[in-house]
């Protein structure tokens, strides 16, 4: 879901020719990066079995 938002946040302002929208889109991408990092930390700490699952799953 997060990965699908990146082209949306960047592509729509480019399509519309909005410099301000592109700036906002870049900020949203940065927020998503930090959110996903924080979410991974939270899952490792609070969800039982997540460490084993992460070892078995590849990107």
PDB file of N, CA and C in Angstrom:
ATOM      1  N   UNK A   1       0.827  -1.184   0.000  1.00  0.00           N
ATOM      2  CA  UNK A   1       0.000   0.000   0.000  1.00  0.00           C
ATOM      3  C   UNK A   1       0.879   1.259   0.000  1.00  0.00           C
ATOM      4  N   UNK A   2       1.906   1.239   0.851  1.00  0.00           N
ATOM      5  CA  UNK A   2       2.783   2.410   0.900  1.00  0.00           C
ATOM      6  C   UNK A   2       3.503   2.594  -0.431  1.00  0.00           C
ATOM      7  N   UNK A   3       3.977   1.490  -1.005  1.00  0.00           N
ATOM      8  CA  UNK A   3       4.708   1.575  -2.263  1.00  0.00           C
ATOM      9  C   UNK A   3       3.815   2.107  -3.386  1.00  0.00           C
ATOM     10  N   UNK A   4       2.536   1.786  -3.352  1.00  0.00           N
ATOM     11  CA  UNK A   4       1.606   2.293  -4.359  1.00  0.00           C
ATOM     12  C   UNK A   4       1.321   3.778  -4.211  1.00  0.00           C
ATOM     13  N   UNK A   5       1.478   4.293  -3.011  1.00  0.00           N
ATOM     14  CA  UNK A   5       1.251   5.716  -2.788  1.00  0.00           C
ATOM     15  C   UNK A   5       2.346   6.598  -3.350  1.00  0.00           C
ATOM     16  N   UNK A   6       3.553   6.067  -3.437  1.00  0.00           N
ATOM     17  CA  UNK A   6       4.691   6.868  -3.905  1.00  0.00           C
ATOM     18  C   UNK A   6       4.472   7.380  -5.334  1.00  0.00           C
ATOM     19  N   UNK A   7       4.124   6.508  -6.305  1.00  0.00           N
ATOM     20  CA  UNK A   7       3.877   7.044  -7.650  1.00  0.00           C
ATOM     21  C   UNK A   7       2.693   8.014  -7.692  1.00  0.00           C
ATOM     22  N   UNK A   8       1.722   7.777  -6.833  1.00  0.00           N
ATOM     23  CA  UNK A   8       0.565   8.671  -6.777  1.00  0.00           C
ATOM     24  C   UNK A   8       0.970  10.059  -6.278  1.00  0.00           C
ATOM     25  N   UNK A   9       1.740  10.099  -5.196  1.00  0.00           N
ATOM     26  CA  UNK A   9       2.133  11.371  -4.595  1.00  0.00           C
ATOM     27  C   UNK A   9       3.077  12.165  -5.492  1.00  0.00           C
ATOM     28  N   UNK A  10       3.857  11.479  -6.311  1.00  0.00           N
ATOM     29  CA  UNK A  10       4.800  12.146  -7.199  1.00  0.00           C
ATOM     30  C   UNK A  10       4.200  12.349  -8.593  1.00  0.00           C
ATOM     31  N   UNK A  11       3.483  11.352  -9.082  1.00  0.00           N
ATOM     32  CA  UNK A  11       2.983  11.383 -10.456  1.00  0.00           C
ATOM     33  C   UNK A  11       1.874  12.389 -10.705  1.00  0.00           C
ATOM     34  N   UNK A  12       0.952  12.516  -9.783  1.00  0.00           N
ATOM     35  CA  UNK A  12      -0.178  13.430  -9.993  1.00  0.00           C
ATOM     36  C   UNK A  12       0.294  14.888 -10.088  1.00  0.00           C
ATOM     37  N   UNK A  13       1.149  15.354  -9.172  1.00  0.00           N
ATOM     38  CA  UNK A  13       1.635  16.731  -9.341  1.00  0.00           C
ATOM     39  C   UNK A  13       2.429  16.933 -10.637  1.00  0.00           C
ATOM     40  N   UNK A  14       3.189  15.915 -11.044  1.00  0.00           N
ATOM     41  CA  UNK A  14       3.909  16.031 -12.313  1.00  0.00           C
ATOM     42  C   UNK A  14       2.930  16.111 -13.479  1.00  0.00           C
ATOM     43  N   UNK A  15       1.895  15.303 -13.426  1.00  0.00           N
ATOM     44  CA  UNK A  15       0.879  15.307 -14.473  1.00  0.00           C
ATOM     45  C   UNK A  15       0.169  16.660 -14.550  1.00  0.00           C
ATOM     46  N   UNK A  16      -0.088  17.249 -13.405  1.00  0.00           N
ATOM     47  CA  UNK A  16      -0.793  18.525 -13.362  1.00  0.00           C
ATOM     48  C   UNK A  16       0.144  19.726 -13.500  1.00  0.00           C
ATOM     49  N   UNK A  17       1.450  19.493 -13.440  1.00  0.00           N
ATOM     50  CA  UNK A  17       2.411  20.595 -13.559  1.00  0.00           C
ATOM     51  C   UNK A  17       2.466  21.474 -12.327  1.00  0.00           C
ATOM     52  N   UNK A  18       2.262  20.896 -11.165  1.00  0.00           N
ATOM     53  CA  UNK A  18       2.230  21.670  -9.932  1.00  0.00           C
ATOM     54  C   UNK A  18       3.539  21.507  -9.161  1.00  0.00           C
ATOM     55  N   UNK A  19       4.294  22.577  -9.071  1.00  0.00           N
ATOM     56  CA  UNK A  19       5.544  22.553  -8.318  1.00  0.00           C
ATOM     57  C   UNK A  19       5.253  22.416  -6.827  1.00  0.00           C
ATOM     58  N   UNK A  20       4.243  23.124  -6.343  1.00  0.00           N
ATOM     59  CA  UNK A  20       3.884  23.038  -4.930  1.00  0.00           C
ATOM     60  C   UNK A  20       3.375  21.643  -4.577  1.00  0.00           C
ATOM     61  N   UNK A  21       2.597  21.070  -5.453  1.00  0.00           N
ATOM     62  CA  UNK A  21       2.107  19.711  -5.242  1.00  0.00           C
ATOM     63  C   UNK A  21       3.239  18.706  -5.227  1.00  0.00           C
ATOM     64  N   UNK A  22       4.241  18.917  -6.067  1.00  0.00           N
ATOM     65  CA  UNK A  22       5.399  18.032  -6.081  1.00  0.00           C
ATOM     66  C   UNK A  22       6.156  18.134  -4.758  1.00  0.00           C
ATOM     67  N   UNK A  23       6.286  19.331  -4.233  1.00  0.00           N
ATOM     68  CA  UNK A  23       6.931  19.502  -2.922  1.00  0.00           C
ATOM     69  C   UNK A  23       6.184  18.778  -1.822  1.00  0.00           C
ATOM     70  N   UNK A  24       4.871  18.904  -1.836  1.00  0.00           N
ATOM     71  CA  UNK A  24       4.049  18.207  -0.847  1.00  0.00           C
ATOM     72  C   UNK A  24       4.167  16.691  -1.038  1.00  0.00           C
ATOM     73  N   UNK A  25       4.193  16.254  -2.286  1.00  0.00           N
ATOM     74  CA  UNK A  25       4.326  14.826  -2.577  1.00  0.00           C
ATOM     75  C   UNK A  25       5.641  14.269  -2.066  1.00  0.00           C
ATOM     76  N   UNK A  26       6.710  15.007  -2.252  1.00  0.00           N
ATOM     77  CA  UNK A  26       8.016  14.565  -1.750  1.00  0.00           C
ATOM     78  C   UNK A  26       8.001  14.487  -0.228  1.00  0.00           C
ATOM     79  N   UNK A  27       7.376  15.458   0.416  1.00  0.00           N
ATOM     80  CA  UNK A  27       7.266  15.412   1.881  1.00  0.00           C
ATOM     81  C   UNK A  27       6.452  14.200   2.327  1.00  0.00           C
ATOM     82  N   UNK A  28       5.395  13.876   1.610  1.00  0.00           N
ATOM     83  CA  UNK A  28       4.590  12.707   1.956  1.00  0.00           C
ATOM     84  C   UNK A  28       5.371  11.409   1.785  1.00  0.00           C
ATOM     85  N   UNK A  29       6.208  11.344   0.776  1.00  0.00           N
ATOM     86  CA  UNK A  29       7.043  10.157   0.586  1.00  0.00           C
ATOM     87  C   UNK A  29       8.003  10.008   1.760  1.00  0.00           C
ATOM     88  N   UNK A  30       8.596  11.108   2.207  1.00  0.00           N
ATOM     89  CA  UNK A  30       9.503  11.066   3.354  1.00  0.00           C
ATOM     90  C   UNK A  30       8.750  10.606   4.600  1.00  0.00           C
ATOM     91  N   UNK A  31       7.548  11.119   4.795  1.00  0.00           N
ATOM     92  CA  UNK A  31       6.727  10.705   5.940  1.00  0.00           C
ATOM     93  C   UNK A  31       6.428   9.210   5.865  1.00  0.00           C
ATOM     94  N   UNK A  32       6.115   8.701   4.684  1.00  0.00           N
ATOM     95  CA  UNK A  32       5.844   7.271   4.530  1.00  0.00           C
ATOM     96  C   UNK A  32       7.067   6.420   4.847  1.00  0.00           C
ATOM     97  N   UNK A  33       8.238   6.893   4.469  1.00  0.00           N
ATOM     98  CA  UNK A  33       9.467   6.148   4.774  1.00  0.00           C
ATOM     99  C   UNK A  33       9.638   6.033   6.285  1.00  0.00           C
ATOM    100  N   UNK A  34       9.519   7.158   6.991  1.00  0.00           N
ATOM    101  CA  UNK A  34       9.684   7.122   8.443  1.00  0.00           C
ATOM    102  C   UNK A  34       8.569   6.337   9.116  1.00  0.00           C
ATOM    103  N   UNK A  35       7.361   6.419   8.575  1.00  0.00           N
ATOM    104  CA  UNK A  35       6.250   5.657   9.142  1.00  0.00           C
ATOM    105  C   UNK A  35       6.476   4.163   8.987  1.00  0.00           C
ATOM    106  N   UNK A  36       6.948   3.739   7.835  1.00  0.00           N
ATOM    107  CA  UNK A  36       7.162   2.311   7.622  1.00  0.00           C
ATOM    108  C   UNK A  36       8.309   1.792   8.489  1.00  0.00           C
ATOM    109  N   UNK A  37       9.348   2.597   8.691  1.00  0.00           N
ATOM    110  CA  UNK A  37      10.434   2.194   9.588  1.00  0.00           C
ATOM    111  C   UNK A  37       9.913   2.046  11.011  1.00  0.00           C
ATOM    112  N   UNK A  38       9.131   2.995  11.462  1.00  0.00           N
ATOM    113  CA  UNK A  38       8.542   2.917  12.801  1.00  0.00           C
ATOM    114  C   UNK A  38       7.587   1.754  12.949  1.00  0.00           C
ATOM    115  N   UNK A  39       6.846   1.456  11.898  1.00  0.00           N
ATOM    116  CA  UNK A  39       5.910   0.337  11.942  1.00  0.00           C
ATOM    117  C   UNK A  39       6.655  -0.990  12.058  1.00  0.00           C
ATOM    118  N   UNK A  40       7.770  -1.116  11.337  1.00  0.00           N
ATOM    119  CA  UNK A  40       8.576  -2.342  11.431  1.00  0.00           C
ATOM    120  C   UNK A  40       9.132  -2.514  12.845  1.00  0.00           C
ATOM    121  N   UNK A  41       9.598  -1.436  13.461  1.00  0.00           N
ATOM    122  CA  UNK A  41      10.102  -1.508  14.834  1.00  0.00           C
ATOM    123  C   UNK A  41       9.008  -1.952  15.791  1.00  0.00           C
ATOM    124  N   UNK A  42       7.824  -1.356  15.629  1.00  0.00           N
ATOM    125  CA  UNK A  42       6.710  -1.685  16.499  1.00  0.00           C
ATOM    126  C   UNK A  42       6.310  -3.148  16.344  1.00  0.00           C
ATOM    127  N   UNK A  43       6.281  -3.644  15.106  1.00  0.00           N
ATOM    128  CA  UNK A  43       5.918  -5.038  14.881  1.00  0.00           C
ATOM    129  C   UNK A  43       6.923  -5.982  15.525  1.00  0.00           C
ATOM    130  N   UNK A  44       8.198  -5.669  15.421  1.00  0.00           N
ATOM    131  CA  UNK A  44       9.222  -6.524  16.033  1.00  0.00           C
ATOM    132  C   UNK A  44       9.081  -6.568  17.548  1.00  0.00           C
ATOM    133  N   UNK A  45       8.706  -5.453  18.147  1.00  0.00           N
ATOM    134  CA  UNK A  45       8.617  -5.381  19.601  1.00  0.00           C
ATOM    135  C   UNK A  45       7.321  -5.965  20.143  1.00  0.00           C
ATOM    136  N   UNK A  46       6.205  -5.755  19.455  1.00  0.00           N
ATOM    137  CA  UNK A  46       4.910  -6.057  20.035  1.00  0.00           C
ATOM    138  C   UNK A  46       4.187  -7.265  19.452  1.00  0.00           C
ATOM    139  N   UNK A  47       4.645  -7.779  18.333  1.00  0.00           N
ATOM    140  CA  UNK A  47       3.945  -8.887  17.695  1.00  0.00           C
ATOM    141  C   UNK A  47       4.758 -10.166  17.857  1.00  0.00           C
ATOM    142  N   UNK A  48       4.191 -11.105  18.575  1.00  0.00           N
ATOM    143  CA  UNK A  48       4.890 -12.370  18.810  1.00  0.00           C
ATOM    144  C   UNK A  48       5.075 -13.117  17.490  1.00  0.00           C
ATOM    145  N   UNK A  49       6.268 -13.626  17.274  1.00  0.00           N
ATOM    146  CA  UNK A  49       6.556 -14.402  16.081  1.00  0.00           C
ATOM    147  C   UNK A  49       6.955 -13.589  14.873  1.00  0.00           C
ATOM    148  N   UNK A  50       7.017 -12.281  15.001  1.00  0.00           N
ATOM    149  CA  UNK A  50       7.332 -11.458  13.832  1.00  0.00           C
ATOM    150  C   UNK A  50       8.790 -11.596  13.401  1.00  0.00           C
ATOM    151  N   UNK A  51       9.695 -11.815  14.358  1.00  0.00           N
ATOM    152  CA  UNK A  51      11.112 -11.987  14.008  1.00  0.00           C
ATOM    153  C   UNK A  51      11.299 -13.217  13.125  1.00  0.00           C
ATOM    154  N   UNK A  52      10.676 -14.328  13.486  1.00  0.00           N
ATOM    155  CA  UNK A  52      10.780 -15.538  12.684  1.00  0.00           C
ATOM    156  C   UNK A  52      10.157 -15.369  11.317  1.00  0.00           C
ATOM    157  N   UNK A  53       9.040 -14.661  11.270  1.00  0.00           N
ATOM    158  CA  UNK A  53       8.382 -14.415   9.992  1.00  0.00           C
ATOM    159  C   UNK A  53       9.264 -13.562   9.086  1.00  0.00           C
ATOM    160  N   UNK A  54       9.873 -12.521   9.647  1.00  0.00           N
ATOM    161  CA  UNK A  54      10.723 -11.638   8.850  1.00  0.00           C
ATOM    162  C   UNK A  54      11.958 -12.360   8.309  1.00  0.00           C
ATOM    163  N   UNK A  55      12.437 -13.362   9.043  1.00  0.00           N
ATOM    164  CA  UNK A  55      13.587 -14.122   8.570  1.00  0.00           C
ATOM    165  C   UNK A  55      13.215 -15.006   7.377  1.00  0.00           C
ATOM    166  N   UNK A  56      11.954 -15.452   7.331  1.00  0.00           N
ATOM    167  CA  UNK A  56      11.515 -16.355   6.275  1.00  0.00           C
ATOM    168  C   UNK A  56      11.025 -15.635   5.019  1.00  0.00           C
ATOM    169  N   UNK A  57      10.703 -14.369   5.140  1.00  0.00           N
ATOM    170  CA  UNK A  57      10.139 -13.614   4.021  1.00  0.00           C
ATOM    171  C   UNK A  57      11.222 -12.761   3.388  1.00  0.00           C
ATOM    172  N   UNK A  58      11.297 -12.790   2.071  1.00  0.00           N
ATOM    173  CA  UNK A  58      12.276 -11.976   1.348  1.00  0.00           C
ATOM    174  C   UNK A  58      11.572 -10.803   0.687  1.00  0.00           C
ATOM    175  N   UNK A  59      12.331  -9.765   0.403  1.00  0.00           N
ATOM    176  CA  UNK A  59      11.793  -8.594  -0.277  1.00  0.00           C
ATOM    177  C   UNK A  59      11.617  -8.976  -1.677  1.00  0.00           C
TER     178      UNK A  59
END
